């Protein structure tokens, strides 16, 4: 999605593009896992995943310990993914949402911080423990 890169450029944000670089059919787990590993390893703070529905990319990314990839299709979910779940990746479906909505969700995701209080921290800690029990 070139629009995502243009949006990030317009905000002066640095990013790393893990592909794909064409509209040809591909094995999306390769790209989702590369991006997820960069977030889990601290190379990148936040990840943006895009595939046809966003489902496959979110599943692939969530296989990597330390990743909380949220498949979002509306702005409220994008906000709550960060605010309540401390999601560190957002997954979007290019065939499901239009470009304008995608960019709005990315903006909200990037601008929203983790609430970090009470029940939200407790629940995120529970999710983190699941990673450690693998």
Foldseek 3Di string as FASTA:
>chain_A
DVLQVVLCVVVVHDDDQQDDPDPDDDDLLVSLCVQLCCCQVVVDVAEEAEDQALVVSQVSSVVDQPADEAEDDAQVSLQCCAAQQVGRYYTHHPNRHDPVRVSSSVVNNVPHHYVCDDPSVVVNVVVNVVSVVD
